[in-house]
Amino acid sequence: MQPMDERAEQRGRSSREGLAERIASAIREDGVVEPIPGLHLTRASEPSGTIHGVSQPSLCVIAQGAKEVYLGDSRYRYDAQRYLLTTIELPVTARIVQASRERPYLAFRLELDEALVGSVMVEAGLPAPRSQGDAKALVVSALDSGLLDATLRLVELSGSPVEARVLVPLVKREIVFRLLMGEQGNRLRHLPMLGYSHSIAKAIGLLRKDFDQPLRIESIARELGMSSSSFHHHFKAITDMSPLQFQKQLRLQEARRMMLGENLDAASAGFRVGYGDASHFSRDYKKRFGISPARDAERLRANMGTIPAASTYSR
């Protein structure tokens, strides 16, 4: 008779192989598909360059390959053994680090709806978090067999429209329940809740709306009913960035989009996003993207369709 640990390891390996096969079958060429609303499947046959985009509240599971995500000064690496959980929209940088023609990168991303998370919490009798100590908005954790099996069943249902209409909502609830009961459950509980994480989410919305305006920490903190020092502390605890760093990343990503999508020159794009000094904009841009804005815009236009100027991901 096989030891329990060995049987569990074999079951996990079988589930990962099954998930890889299902994703590979659903998406036969490199790219991203959405077979069910909110479910995104990704395939890549080679490591990617650096991708700049905005994360969404999501569960990200890799069936094959590996990826790194950078938020502020922190690096998060995940693969077939670990999942990525994000709970707030944040500007992040990522790259696929393991992929080949023989063993392509195959990944699953499920958007997490705060209403669904709140509903499952109520049904399961789970209390709201009392503090923001576990509110960090992005984390990597070990992928257990129950959660892996549920993701596999959801992908399987994507190929059966009749069954999907009835069973997909149930499997999504199971996935949310397993996340809430797992190692990162306390973090996920902040998604639909009031408290500091809700306040920081509101602050992020204000910063995204007025990213081109001067940053007024005191005004935002006052609107949230917090002191400036408390706001700064909690913002960084959740996002791994200061409000100023967050605003700067928003500005630079929007300037990049403008240069590509609206054909603006670097100075005009910098001015539109709030930079009064072109040389300051150019320095910040090169530090963020590794290339001057003018050269980056030229490169992006030459590779239109293959390099995203700004993307939403966490896949």
C-alpha atoms as a PDB file:
ATOM      1  CA  MET A   1       0.000   0.000   0.000  1.00  0.00           C
ATOM      2  CA  GLN A   2       1.370   3.415  -0.958  1.00  0.00           C
ATOM      3  CA  PRO A   3       2.077   5.963   1.798  1.00  0.00           C
ATOM      4  CA  MET A   4      -0.439   8.821   2.032  1.00  0.00           C
ATOM      5  CA  ASP A   5       2.124  11.473   0.998  1.00  0.00           C
ATOM      6  CA  GLU A   6       3.095   9.518  -2.106  1.00  0.00           C
ATOM      7  CA  ARG A   7      -0.542   9.055  -3.157  1.00  0.00           C
ATOM      8  CA  ALA A   8      -1.205  12.775  -2.638  1.00  0.00           C
ATOM      9  CA  GLU A   9       1.846  13.655  -4.724  1.00  0.00           C
ATOM     10  CA  GLN A  10       0.719  11.359  -7.536  1.00  0.00           C
ATOM     11  CA  ARG A  11      -2.805  12.822  -7.421  1.00  0.00           C
ATOM     12  CA  GLY A  12      -1.402  16.350  -7.620  1.00  0.00           C
ATOM     13  CA  ARG A  13       0.846  15.444 -10.541  1.00  0.00           C
ATOM     14  CA  SER A  14      -2.078  13.837 -12.354  1.00  0.00           C
ATOM     15  CA  SER A  15      -4.279  16.917 -11.784  1.00  0.00           C
ATOM     16  CA  ARG A  16      -1.566  19.281 -13.026  1.00  0.00           C
ATOM     17  CA  GLU A  17      -1.056  17.159 -16.131  1.00  0.00           C
ATOM     18  CA  GLY A  18      -4.811  17.105 -16.691  1.00  0.00           C
ATOM     19  CA  LEU A  19      -5.048  20.883 -16.308  1.00  0.00           C
ATOM     20  CA  ALA A  20      -2.170  21.375 -18.767  1.00  0.00           C
ATOM     21  CA  GLU A  21      -3.837  19.058 -21.294  1.00  0.00           C
ATOM     22  CA  ARG A  22      -7.196  20.842 -20.997  1.00  0.00           C
ATOM     23  CA  ILE A  23      -5.678  24.312 -21.400  1.00  0.00           C
ATOM     24  CA  ALA A  24      -3.519  23.159 -24.329  1.00  0.00           C
ATOM     25  CA  SER A  25      -6.617  21.709 -25.973  1.00  0.00           C
ATOM     26  CA  ALA A  26      -8.635  24.899 -25.411  1.00  0.00           C
ATOM     27  CA  ILE A  27      -5.943  27.211 -26.819  1.00  0.00           C
ATOM     28  CA  ARG A  28      -3.739  25.668 -29.522  1.00  0.00           C
ATOM     29  CA  GLU A  29      -1.853  28.828 -30.524  1.00  0.00           C
ATOM     30  CA  ASP A  30      -0.017  31.362 -28.383  1.00  0.00           C
ATOM     31  CA  GLY A  31      -2.345  33.966 -26.930  1.00  0.00           C
ATOM     32  CA  VAL A  32      -5.235  34.362 -24.500  1.00  0.00           C
ATOM     33  CA  VAL A  33      -8.821  33.103 -24.711  1.00  0.00           C
ATOM     34  CA  GLU A  34     -11.854  33.636 -22.455  1.00  0.00           C
ATOM     35  CA  PRO A  35     -14.036  30.506 -22.859  1.00  0.00           C
ATOM     36  CA  ILE A  36     -16.196  31.470 -19.861  1.00  0.00           C
ATOM     37  CA  PRO A  37     -16.784  35.059 -18.721  1.00  0.00           C
ATOM     38  CA  GLY A  38     -14.065  35.867 -16.196  1.00  0.00           C
ATOM     39  CA  LEU A  39     -11.947  32.800 -17.018  1.00  0.00           C
ATOM     40  CA  HIS A  40      -8.797  33.511 -19.052  1.00  0.00           C
ATOM     41  CA  LEU A  41      -6.503  30.805 -20.457  1.00  0.00           C
ATOM     42  CA  THR A  42      -3.016  31.688 -21.684  1.00  0.00           C
ATOM     43  CA  ARG A  43      -0.473  29.867 -23.830  1.00  0.00           C
ATOM     44  CA  ALA A  44       3.088  30.984 -24.675  1.00  0.00           C
ATOM     45  CA  SER A  45       5.777  28.999 -26.480  1.00  0.00           C
ATOM     46  CA  GLU A  46       8.731  31.076 -25.322  1.00  0.00           C
ATOM     47  CA  PRO A  47       9.708  33.296 -22.380  1.00  0.00           C
ATOM     48  CA  SER A  48       8.309  36.804 -22.679  1.00  0.00           C
ATOM     49  CA  GLY A  49       9.917  40.180 -22.415  1.00  0.00           C
ATOM     50  CA  THR A  50       8.844  42.531 -19.669  1.00  0.00           C
ATOM     51  CA  ILE A  51       5.107  43.278 -19.712  1.00  0.00           C
ATOM     52  CA  HIS A  52       3.709  46.354 -17.969  1.00  0.00           C
ATOM     53  CA  GLY A  53       0.069  46.311 -17.020  1.00  0.00           C
ATOM     54  CA  VAL A  54      -2.588  46.431 -14.331  1.00  0.00           C
ATOM     55  CA  SER A  55      -3.443  43.429 -12.198  1.00  0.00           C
ATOM     56  CA  GLN A  56      -7.075  42.643 -11.358  1.00  0.00           C
ATOM     57  CA  PRO A  57      -8.536  40.784  -8.372  1.00  0.00           C
ATOM     58  CA  SER A  58      -7.837  37.257  -9.594  1.00  0.00           C
ATOM     59  CA  LEU A  59      -6.695  33.734  -8.863  1.00  0.00           C
ATOM     60  CA  CYS A  60      -3.813  32.800 -11.172  1.00  0.00           C
ATOM     61  CA  VAL A  61      -2.765  29.157 -11.577  1.00  0.00           C
ATOM     62  CA  ILE A  62       0.012  27.906 -13.844  1.00  0.00           C
ATOM     63  CA  ALA A  63      -0.371  24.378 -15.221  1.00  0.00           C
ATOM     64  CA  GLN A  64       3.023  24.406 -16.938  1.00  0.00           C
ATOM     65  CA  GLY A  65       5.913  26.879 -16.901  1.00  0.00           C
ATOM     66  CA  ALA A  66       6.692  29.781 -14.557  1.00  0.00           C
ATOM     67  CA  LYS A  67       6.169  33.523 -14.278  1.00  0.00           C
ATOM     68  CA  GLU A  68       7.536  36.425 -12.248  1.00  0.00           C
ATOM     69  CA  VAL A  69       5.509  39.474 -11.188  1.00  0.00           C
ATOM     70  CA  TYR A  70       7.056  42.652  -9.788  1.00  0.00           C
ATOM     71  CA  LEU A  71       5.154  45.047  -7.535  1.00  0.00           C
ATOM     72  CA  GLY A  72       7.094  47.980  -6.144  1.00  0.00           C
ATOM     73  CA  ASP A  73      10.379  46.534  -4.892  1.00  0.00           C
ATOM     74  CA  SER A  74       8.979  43.013  -4.408  1.00  0.00           C
ATOM     75  CA  ARG A  75       9.296  40.054  -6.767  1.00  0.00           C
ATOM     76  CA  TYR A  76       6.772  37.194  -6.828  1.00  0.00           C
ATOM     77  CA  ARG A  77       7.550  33.975  -8.696  1.00  0.00           C
ATOM     78  CA  TYR A  78       4.966  31.260  -9.198  1.00  0.00           C
ATOM     79  CA  ASP A  79       4.699  28.019 -11.136  1.00  0.00           C
ATOM     80  CA  ALA A  80       2.710  24.773 -11.209  1.00  0.00           C
ATOM     81  CA  GLN A  81       3.217  24.316  -7.457  1.00  0.00           C
ATOM     82  CA  ARG A  82       2.071  27.791  -6.379  1.00  0.00           C
ATOM     83  CA  TYR A  83      -0.771  30.160  -7.175  1.00  0.00           C
ATOM     84  CA  LEU A  84      -0.881  33.951  -7.314  1.00  0.00           C
ATOM     85  CA  LEU A  85      -3.708  35.829  -5.600  1.00  0.00           C
ATOM     86  CA  THR A  86      -4.387  39.520  -6.269  1.00  0.00           C
ATOM     87  CA  THR A  87      -7.150  41.470  -4.526  1.00  0.00           C
ATOM     88  CA  ILE A  88      -6.807  45.065  -5.802  1.00  0.00           C
ATOM     89  CA  GLU A  89      -6.120  46.631  -9.214  1.00  0.00           C
ATOM     90  CA  LEU A  90      -2.424  47.569  -9.204  1.00  0.00           C
ATOM     91  CA  PRO A  91       0.181  48.608 -11.782  1.00  0.00           C
ATOM     92  CA  VAL A  92       2.597  45.683 -12.001  1.00  0.00           C
ATOM     93  CA  THR A  93       5.369  44.329 -14.206  1.00  0.00           C
ATOM     94  CA  ALA A  94       5.618  40.669 -15.220  1.00  0.00           C
ATOM     95  CA  ARG A  95       7.436  38.235 -17.465  1.00  0.00           C
ATOM     96  CA  ILE A  96       7.054  34.579 -18.363  1.00  0.00           C
ATOM     97  CA  VAL A  97      10.333  32.910 -17.386  1.00  0.00           C
ATOM     98  CA  GLN A  98       9.726  29.253 -18.340  1.00  0.00           C
ATOM     99  CA  ALA A  99       8.204  28.308 -21.694  1.00  0.00           C
ATOM    100  CA  SER A 100       9.217  26.400 -24.827  1.00  0.00           C
ATOM    101  CA  ARG A 101       7.654  24.870 -27.947  1.00  0.00           C
ATOM    102  CA  GLU A 102       7.923  21.426 -26.352  1.00  0.00           C
ATOM    103  CA  ARG A 103       6.532  22.573 -22.989  1.00  0.00           C
ATOM    104  CA  PRO A 104       4.594  25.825 -23.481  1.00  0.00           C
ATOM    105  CA  TYR A 105       3.561  28.095 -20.667  1.00  0.00           C
ATOM    106  CA  LEU A 106      -0.077  27.221 -19.862  1.00  0.00           C
ATOM    107  CA  ALA A 107      -1.995  29.254 -17.326  1.00  0.00           C
ATOM    108  CA  PHE A 108      -5.453  29.846 -15.833  1.00  0.00           C
ATOM    109  CA  ARG A 109      -6.735  33.156 -14.437  1.00  0.00           C
ATOM    110  CA  LEU A 110     -10.113  33.543 -12.759  1.00  0.00           C
ATOM    111  CA  GLU A 111     -11.411  37.028 -11.985  1.00  0.00           C
ATOM    112  CA  LEU A 112     -12.642  37.314  -8.402  1.00  0.00           C
ATOM    113  CA  ASP A 113     -15.873  39.220  -7.929  1.00  0.00           C
ATOM    114  CA  GLU A 114     -16.230  40.936  -4.555  1.00  0.00           C
ATOM    115  CA  ALA A 115     -19.968  40.185  -4.423  1.00  0.00           C
ATOM    116  CA  LEU A 116     -19.298  36.466  -4.896  1.00  0.00           C
ATOM    117  CA  VAL A 117     -16.556  36.487  -2.248  1.00  0.00           C
ATOM    118  CA  GLY A 118     -18.869  38.275   0.180  1.00  0.00           C
ATOM    119  CA  SER A 119     -21.716  35.850  -0.537  1.00  0.00           C
ATOM    120  CA  VAL A 120     -19.526  32.803   0.094  1.00  0.00           C
ATOM    121  CA  MET A 121     -18.216  34.370   3.309  1.00  0.00           C
ATOM    122  CA  VAL A 122     -21.773  34.841   4.576  1.00  0.00           C
ATOM    123  CA  GLU A 123     -22.817  31.337   3.578  1.00  0.00           C
ATOM    124  CA  ALA A 124     -19.743  29.817   5.235  1.00  0.00           C
ATOM    125  CA  GLY A 125     -20.166  31.920   8.374  1.00  0.00           C
ATOM    126  CA  LEU A 126     -16.738  33.510   7.984  1.00  0.00           C
ATOM    127  CA  PRO A 127     -16.187  36.756   9.918  1.00  0.00           C
ATOM    128  CA  ALA A 128     -14.941  39.966   8.362  1.00  0.00           C
ATOM    129  CA  PRO A 129     -11.261  40.745   9.011  1.00  0.00           C
ATOM    130  CA  ARG A 130     -10.707  42.853  12.118  1.00  0.00           C
ATOM    131  CA  SER A 131      -7.511  44.515  10.928  1.00  0.00           C
ATOM    132  CA  GLN A 132      -5.526  45.186   7.781  1.00  0.00           C
ATOM    133  CA  GLY A 133      -2.591  43.040   8.896  1.00  0.00           C
ATOM    134  CA  ASP A 134      -3.268  40.426   6.214  1.00  0.00           C
ATOM    135  CA  ALA A 135      -4.456  42.859   3.548  1.00  0.00           C
ATOM    136  CA  LYS A 136      -1.439  42.788   1.201  1.00  0.00           C
ATOM    137  CA  ALA A 137      -2.900  42.912  -2.274  1.00  0.00           C
ATOM    138  CA  LEU A 138      -0.659  40.373  -4.019  1.00  0.00           C
ATOM    139  CA  VAL A 139       0.695  37.104  -2.670  1.00  0.00           C
ATOM    140  CA  VAL A 140       2.021  33.711  -3.802  1.00  0.00           C
ATOM    141  CA  SER A 141       1.045  30.551  -1.929  1.00  0.00           C
ATOM    142  CA  ALA A 142       1.246  26.761  -2.231  1.00  0.00           C
ATOM    143  CA  LEU A 143      -1.424  25.232  -4.496  1.00  0.00           C
ATOM    144  CA  ASP A 144      -3.241  22.463  -2.625  1.00  0.00           C
ATOM    145  CA  SER A 145      -4.916  19.503  -4.315  1.00  0.00           C
ATOM    146  CA  GLY A 146      -8.492  20.611  -3.586  1.00  0.00           C
ATOM    147  CA  LEU A 147      -8.021  24.011  -5.221  1.00  0.00           C
ATOM    148  CA  LEU A 148      -6.145  22.444  -8.137  1.00  0.00           C
ATOM    149  CA  ASP A 149      -8.933  19.921  -8.734  1.00  0.00           C
ATOM    150  CA  ALA A 150     -11.555  22.684  -8.711  1.00  0.00           C
ATOM    151  CA  THR A 151      -9.629  24.720 -11.309  1.00  0.00           C
ATOM    152  CA  LEU A 152      -9.364  21.605 -13.477  1.00  0.00           C
ATOM    153  CA  ARG A 153     -13.134  21.038 -13.311  1.00  0.00           C
ATOM    154  CA  LEU A 154     -13.812  24.660 -14.253  1.00  0.00           C
ATOM    155  CA  VAL A 155     -11.608  24.397 -17.345  1.00  0.00           C
ATOM    156  CA  GLU A 156     -13.277  21.098 -18.259  1.00  0.00           C
ATOM    157  CA  LEU A 157     -16.700  22.762 -18.049  1.00  0.00           C
ATOM    158  CA  SER A 158     -15.594  25.484 -20.467  1.00  0.00           C
ATOM    159  CA  GLY A 159     -15.845  22.917 -23.259  1.00  0.00           C
ATOM    160  CA  SER A 160     -19.399  21.884 -22.407  1.00  0.00           C
ATOM    161  CA  PRO A 161     -21.831  24.832 -22.770  1.00  0.00           C
ATOM    162  CA  VAL A 162     -24.891  22.964 -21.471  1.00  0.00           C
ATOM    163  CA  GLU A 163     -23.201  21.755 -18.287  1.00  0.00           C
ATOM    164  CA  ALA A 164     -21.376  25.073 -17.906  1.00  0.00           C
ATOM    165  CA  ARG A 165     -24.601  27.060 -17.523  1.00  0.00           C
ATOM    166  CA  VAL A 166     -25.570  25.038 -14.464  1.00  0.00           C
ATOM    167  CA  LEU A 167     -22.253  23.988 -12.922  1.00  0.00           C
ATOM    168  CA  VAL A 168     -19.853  26.887 -13.532  1.00  0.00           C
ATOM    169  CA  PRO A 169     -21.423  29.103 -10.803  1.00  0.00           C
ATOM    170  CA  LEU A 170     -21.116  26.200  -8.349  1.00  0.00           C
ATOM    171  CA  VAL A 171     -17.459  25.502  -9.176  1.00  0.00           C
ATOM    172  CA  LYS A 172     -16.618  29.209  -8.947  1.00  0.00           C
ATOM    173  CA  ARG A 173     -18.153  29.251  -5.469  1.00  0.00           C
ATOM    174  CA  GLU A 174     -16.128  26.180  -4.547  1.00  0.00           C
ATOM    175  CA  ILE A 175     -12.917  27.861  -5.722  1.00  0.00           C
ATOM    176  CA  VAL A 176     -13.690  30.989  -3.685  1.00  0.00           C
ATOM    177  CA  PHE A 177     -14.569  28.846  -0.663  1.00  0.00           C
ATOM    178  CA  ARG A 178     -11.300  26.900  -0.907  1.00  0.00           C
ATOM    179  CA  LEU A 179      -9.351  30.150  -1.164  1.00  0.00           C
ATOM    180  CA  LEU A 180     -11.152  31.582   1.866  1.00  0.00           C
ATOM    181  CA  MET A 181     -10.441  28.434   3.884  1.00  0.00           C
ATOM    182  CA  GLY A 182      -6.844  28.220   2.702  1.00  0.00           C
ATOM    183  CA  GLU A 183      -3.567  29.824   3.714  1.00  0.00           C
ATOM    184  CA  GLN A 184      -4.462  33.208   2.198  1.00  0.00           C
ATOM    185  CA  GLY A 185      -8.102  33.271   3.263  1.00  0.00           C
ATOM    186  CA  ASN A 186      -7.658  36.292   5.530  1.00  0.00           C
ATOM    187  CA  ARG A 187      -6.256  38.307   2.648  1.00  0.00           C
ATOM    188  CA  LEU A 188      -9.163  37.413   0.363  1.00  0.00           C
ATOM    189  CA  ARG A 189     -11.678  38.390   3.046  1.00  0.00           C
ATOM    190  CA  HIS A 190     -10.577  41.994   2.605  1.00  0.00           C
ATOM    191  CA  LEU A 191     -11.873  42.086  -0.972  1.00  0.00           C
ATOM    192  CA  PRO A 192     -15.561  42.780  -0.167  1.00  0.00           C
ATOM    193  CA  MET A 193     -15.057  44.253   3.296  1.00  0.00           C
ATOM    194  CA  LEU A 194     -15.020  47.715   4.752  1.00  0.00           C
ATOM    195  CA  GLY A 195     -11.982  48.833   6.725  1.00  0.00           C
ATOM    196  CA  TYR A 196      -8.505  49.899   5.690  1.00  0.00           C
ATOM    197  CA  SER A 197      -8.347  47.710   2.581  1.00  0.00           C
ATOM    198  CA  HIS A 198     -11.642  49.209   1.390  1.00  0.00           C
ATOM    199  CA  SER A 199     -10.295  52.703   2.085  1.00  0.00           C
ATOM    200  CA  ILE A 200      -7.100  51.983   0.166  1.00  0.00           C
ATOM    201  CA  ALA A 201      -9.141  50.578  -2.720  1.00  0.00           C
ATOM    202  CA  LYS A 202     -11.097  53.851  -2.715  1.00  0.00           C
ATOM    203  CA  ALA A 203      -7.829  55.802  -2.647  1.00  0.00           C
ATOM    204  CA  ILE A 204      -6.564  53.803  -5.620  1.00  0.00           C
ATOM    205  CA  GLY A 205      -9.718  54.756  -7.487  1.00  0.00           C
ATOM    206  CA  LEU A 206      -9.121  58.426  -6.709  1.00  0.00           C
ATOM    207  CA  LEU A 207      -5.498  58.203  -7.810  1.00  0.00           C
ATOM    208  CA  ARG A 208      -6.456  56.451 -11.032  1.00  0.00           C
ATOM    209  CA  LYS A 209      -9.113  59.088 -11.768  1.00  0.00           C
ATOM    210  CA  ASP A 210      -6.876  62.096 -11.081  1.00  0.00           C
ATOM    211  CA  PHE A 211      -3.462  60.631 -11.915  1.00  0.00           C
ATOM    212  CA  ASP A 212      -2.504  63.729 -13.944  1.00  0.00           C
ATOM    213  CA  GLN A 213      -3.150  66.097 -11.031  1.00  0.00           C
ATOM    214  CA  PRO A 214      -0.678  67.030  -8.260  1.00  0.00           C
ATOM    215  CA  LEU A 215      -0.704  64.434  -5.482  1.00  0.00           C
ATOM    216  CA  ARG A 216      -2.389  65.784  -2.345  1.00  0.00           C
ATOM    217  CA  ILE A 217      -1.902  63.204   0.379  1.00  0.00           C
ATOM    218  CA  GLU A 218      -3.594  65.328   3.048  1.00  0.00           C
ATOM    219  CA  SER A 219      -6.735  65.785   0.954  1.00  0.00           C
ATOM    220  CA  ILE A 220      -7.067  62.074   0.132  1.00  0.00           C
ATOM    221  CA  ALA A 221      -6.377  61.032   3.729  1.00  0.00           C
ATOM    222  CA  ARG A 222      -8.978  63.497   4.991  1.00  0.00           C
ATOM    223  CA  GLU A 223     -11.575  62.154   2.549  1.00  0.00           C
ATOM    224  CA  LEU A 224     -10.891  58.648   3.855  1.00  0.00           C
ATOM    225  CA  GLY A 225     -11.064  59.747   7.490  1.00  0.00           C
ATOM    226  CA  MET A 226      -7.394  58.931   8.113  1.00  0.00           C
ATOM    227  CA  SER A 227      -4.301  60.866   9.101  1.00  0.00           C
ATOM    228  CA  SER A 228      -1.676  61.409   6.400  1.00  0.00           C
ATOM    229  CA  SER A 229       0.819  59.138   8.160  1.00  0.00           C
ATOM    230  CA  SER A 230      -1.782  56.397   8.678  1.00  0.00           C
ATOM    231  CA  PHE A 231      -2.874  56.613   5.039  1.00  0.00           C
ATOM    232  CA  HIS A 232       0.712  56.370   3.798  1.00  0.00           C
ATOM    233  CA  HIS A 233       1.433  53.420   6.107  1.00  0.00           C
ATOM    234  CA  HIS A 234      -1.652  51.407   5.141  1.00  0.00           C
ATOM    235  CA  PHE A 235      -1.313  52.222   1.440  1.00  0.00           C
ATOM    236  CA  LYS A 236       2.220  50.830   1.357  1.00  0.00           C
ATOM    237  CA  ALA A 237       1.275  47.810   3.493  1.00  0.00           C
ATOM    238  CA  ILE A 238      -1.329  46.796   0.900  1.00  0.00           C
ATOM    239  CA  THR A 239       0.277  47.851  -2.386  1.00  0.00           C
ATOM    240  CA  ASP A 240       4.042  47.577  -1.672  1.00  0.00           C
ATOM    241  CA  MET A 241       4.299  51.154  -2.997  1.00  0.00           C
ATOM    242  CA  SER A 242       3.984  54.661  -1.628  1.00  0.00           C
ATOM    243  CA  PRO A 243       1.130  56.772  -3.054  1.00  0.00           C
ATOM    244  CA  LEU A 244       3.713  58.796  -4.998  1.00  0.00           C
ATOM    245  CA  GLN A 245       5.273  55.657  -6.533  1.00  0.00           C
ATOM    246  CA  PHE A 246       1.805  54.393  -7.424  1.00  0.00           C
ATOM    247  CA  GLN A 247       0.845  57.663  -9.123  1.00  0.00           C
ATOM    248  CA  LYS A 248       4.131  57.735 -11.026  1.00  0.00           C
ATOM    249  CA  GLN A 249       3.562  54.242 -12.422  1.00  0.00           C
ATOM    250  CA  LEU A 250       0.025  55.180 -13.484  1.00  0.00           C
ATOM    251  CA  ARG A 251       1.317  58.281 -15.242  1.00  0.00           C
ATOM    252  CA  LEU A 252       4.073  56.460 -17.077  1.00  0.00           C
ATOM    253  CA  GLN A 253       1.791  53.643 -18.243  1.00  0.00           C
ATOM    254  CA  GLU A 254      -0.797  56.128 -19.496  1.00  0.00           C
ATOM    255  CA  ALA A 255       1.895  58.156 -21.286  1.00  0.00           C
ATOM    256  CA  ARG A 256       3.067  54.975 -22.977  1.00  0.00           C
ATOM    257  CA  ARG A 257      -0.489  54.225 -24.104  1.00  0.00           C
ATOM    258  CA  MET A 258      -0.897  57.763 -25.445  1.00  0.00           C
ATOM    259  CA  MET A 259       2.305  57.634 -27.479  1.00  0.00           C
ATOM    260  CA  LEU A 260       1.215  54.410 -29.117  1.00  0.00           C
ATOM    261  CA  GLY A 261      -2.555  54.778 -29.281  1.00  0.00           C
ATOM    262  CA  GLU A 262      -2.790  58.540 -29.934  1.00  0.00           C
ATOM    263  CA  ASN A 263       0.521  58.964 -31.751  1.00  0.00           C
ATOM    264  CA  LEU A 264       1.710  61.664 -29.326  1.00  0.00           C
ATOM    265  CA  ASP A 265       5.345  62.654 -29.066  1.00  0.00           C
ATOM    266  CA  ALA A 266       7.121  62.079 -25.751  1.00  0.00           C
ATOM    267  CA  ALA A 267       6.956  65.689 -24.525  1.00  0.00           C
ATOM    268  CA  SER A 268       3.205  65.966 -25.230  1.00  0.00           C
ATOM    269  CA  ALA A 269       2.449  62.629 -23.568  1.00  0.00           C
ATOM    270  CA  GLY A 270       4.482  63.609 -20.517  1.00  0.00           C
ATOM    271  CA  PHE A 271       2.667  66.918 -20.243  1.00  0.00           C
ATOM    272  CA  ARG A 272      -0.752  65.253 -20.615  1.00  0.00           C
ATOM    273  CA  VAL A 273      -0.105  62.897 -17.700  1.00  0.00           C
ATOM    274  CA  GLY A 274       1.080  65.635 -15.348  1.00  0.00           C
ATOM    275  CA  TYR A 275       4.801  66.114 -15.962  1.00  0.00           C
ATOM    276  CA  GLY A 276       5.768  69.774 -16.257  1.00  0.00           C
ATOM    277  CA  ASP A 277       9.386  68.993 -17.077  1.00  0.00           C
ATOM    278  CA  ALA A 278      10.182  66.903 -20.184  1.00  0.00           C
ATOM    279  CA  SER A 279      13.612  65.828 -18.923  1.00  0.00           C
ATOM    280  CA  HIS A 280      12.079  64.654 -15.621  1.00  0.00           C
ATOM    281  CA  PHE A 281       9.509  62.639 -17.559  1.00  0.00           C
ATOM    282  CA  SER A 282      12.206  61.108 -19.765  1.00  0.00           C
ATOM    283  CA  ARG A 283      14.318  60.088 -16.739  1.00  0.00           C
ATOM    284  CA  ASP A 284      11.376  58.479 -14.945  1.00  0.00           C
ATOM    285  CA  TYR A 285      10.228  56.747 -18.123  1.00  0.00           C
ATOM    286  CA  LYS A 286      13.638  55.251 -18.847  1.00  0.00           C
ATOM    287  CA  LYS A 287      13.955  54.073 -15.257  1.00  0.00           C
ATOM    288  CA  ARG A 288      10.557  52.366 -15.484  1.00  0.00           C
ATOM    289  CA  PHE A 289      10.724  50.855 -18.982  1.00  0.00           C
ATOM    290  CA  GLY A 290      14.483  50.657 -19.562  1.00  0.00           C
ATOM    291  CA  ILE A 291      14.390  52.815 -22.701  1.00  0.00           C
ATOM    292  CA  SER A 292      13.775  56.476 -23.577  1.00  0.00           C
ATOM    293  CA  PRO A 293      10.130  57.348 -24.346  1.00  0.00           C
ATOM    294  CA  ALA A 294      10.853  58.333 -27.966  1.00  0.00           C
ATOM    295  CA  ARG A 295      12.744  55.115 -28.713  1.00  0.00           C
ATOM    296  CA  ASP A 296      10.159  53.023 -26.885  1.00  0.00           C
ATOM    297  CA  ALA A 297       7.296  54.562 -28.890  1.00  0.00           C
ATOM    298  CA  GLU A 298       9.194  53.903 -32.123  1.00  0.00           C
ATOM    299  CA  ARG A 299       9.811  50.283 -31.117  1.00  0.00           C
ATOM    300  CA  LEU A 300       6.193  49.736 -30.074  1.00  0.00           C
ATOM    301  CA  ARG A 301       4.828  51.115 -33.334  1.00  0.00           C
ATOM    302  CA  ALA A 302       7.205  48.912 -35.314  1.00  0.00           C
ATOM    303  CA  ASN A 303       5.947  45.886 -33.389  1.00  0.00           C
ATOM    304  CA  MET A 304       2.276  46.835 -33.300  1.00  0.00           C
ATOM    305  CA  GLY A 305       0.220  43.755 -32.537  1.00  0.00           C
ATOM    306  CA  THR A 306       3.023  41.849 -30.835  1.00  0.00           C
ATOM    307  CA  ILE A 307       3.984  44.104 -27.928  1.00  0.00           C
ATOM    308  CA  PRO A 308       1.203  45.492 -25.741  1.00  0.00           C
ATOM    309  CA  ALA A 309       1.541  49.138 -24.784  1.00  0.00           C
ATOM    310  CA  ALA A 310      -0.523  48.586 -21.670  1.00  0.00           C
ATOM    311  CA  SER A 311      -2.270  45.403 -20.721  1.00  0.00           C
ATOM    312  CA  THR A 312      -4.393  43.977 -17.972  1.00  0.00           C
ATOM    313  CA  TYR A 313      -3.021  40.696 -16.813  1.00  0.00           C
ATOM    314  CA  SER A 314      -2.057  38.362 -13.991  1.00  0.00           C
ATOM    315  CA  ARG A 315      -2.268  35.265 -16.077  1.00  0.00           C
END
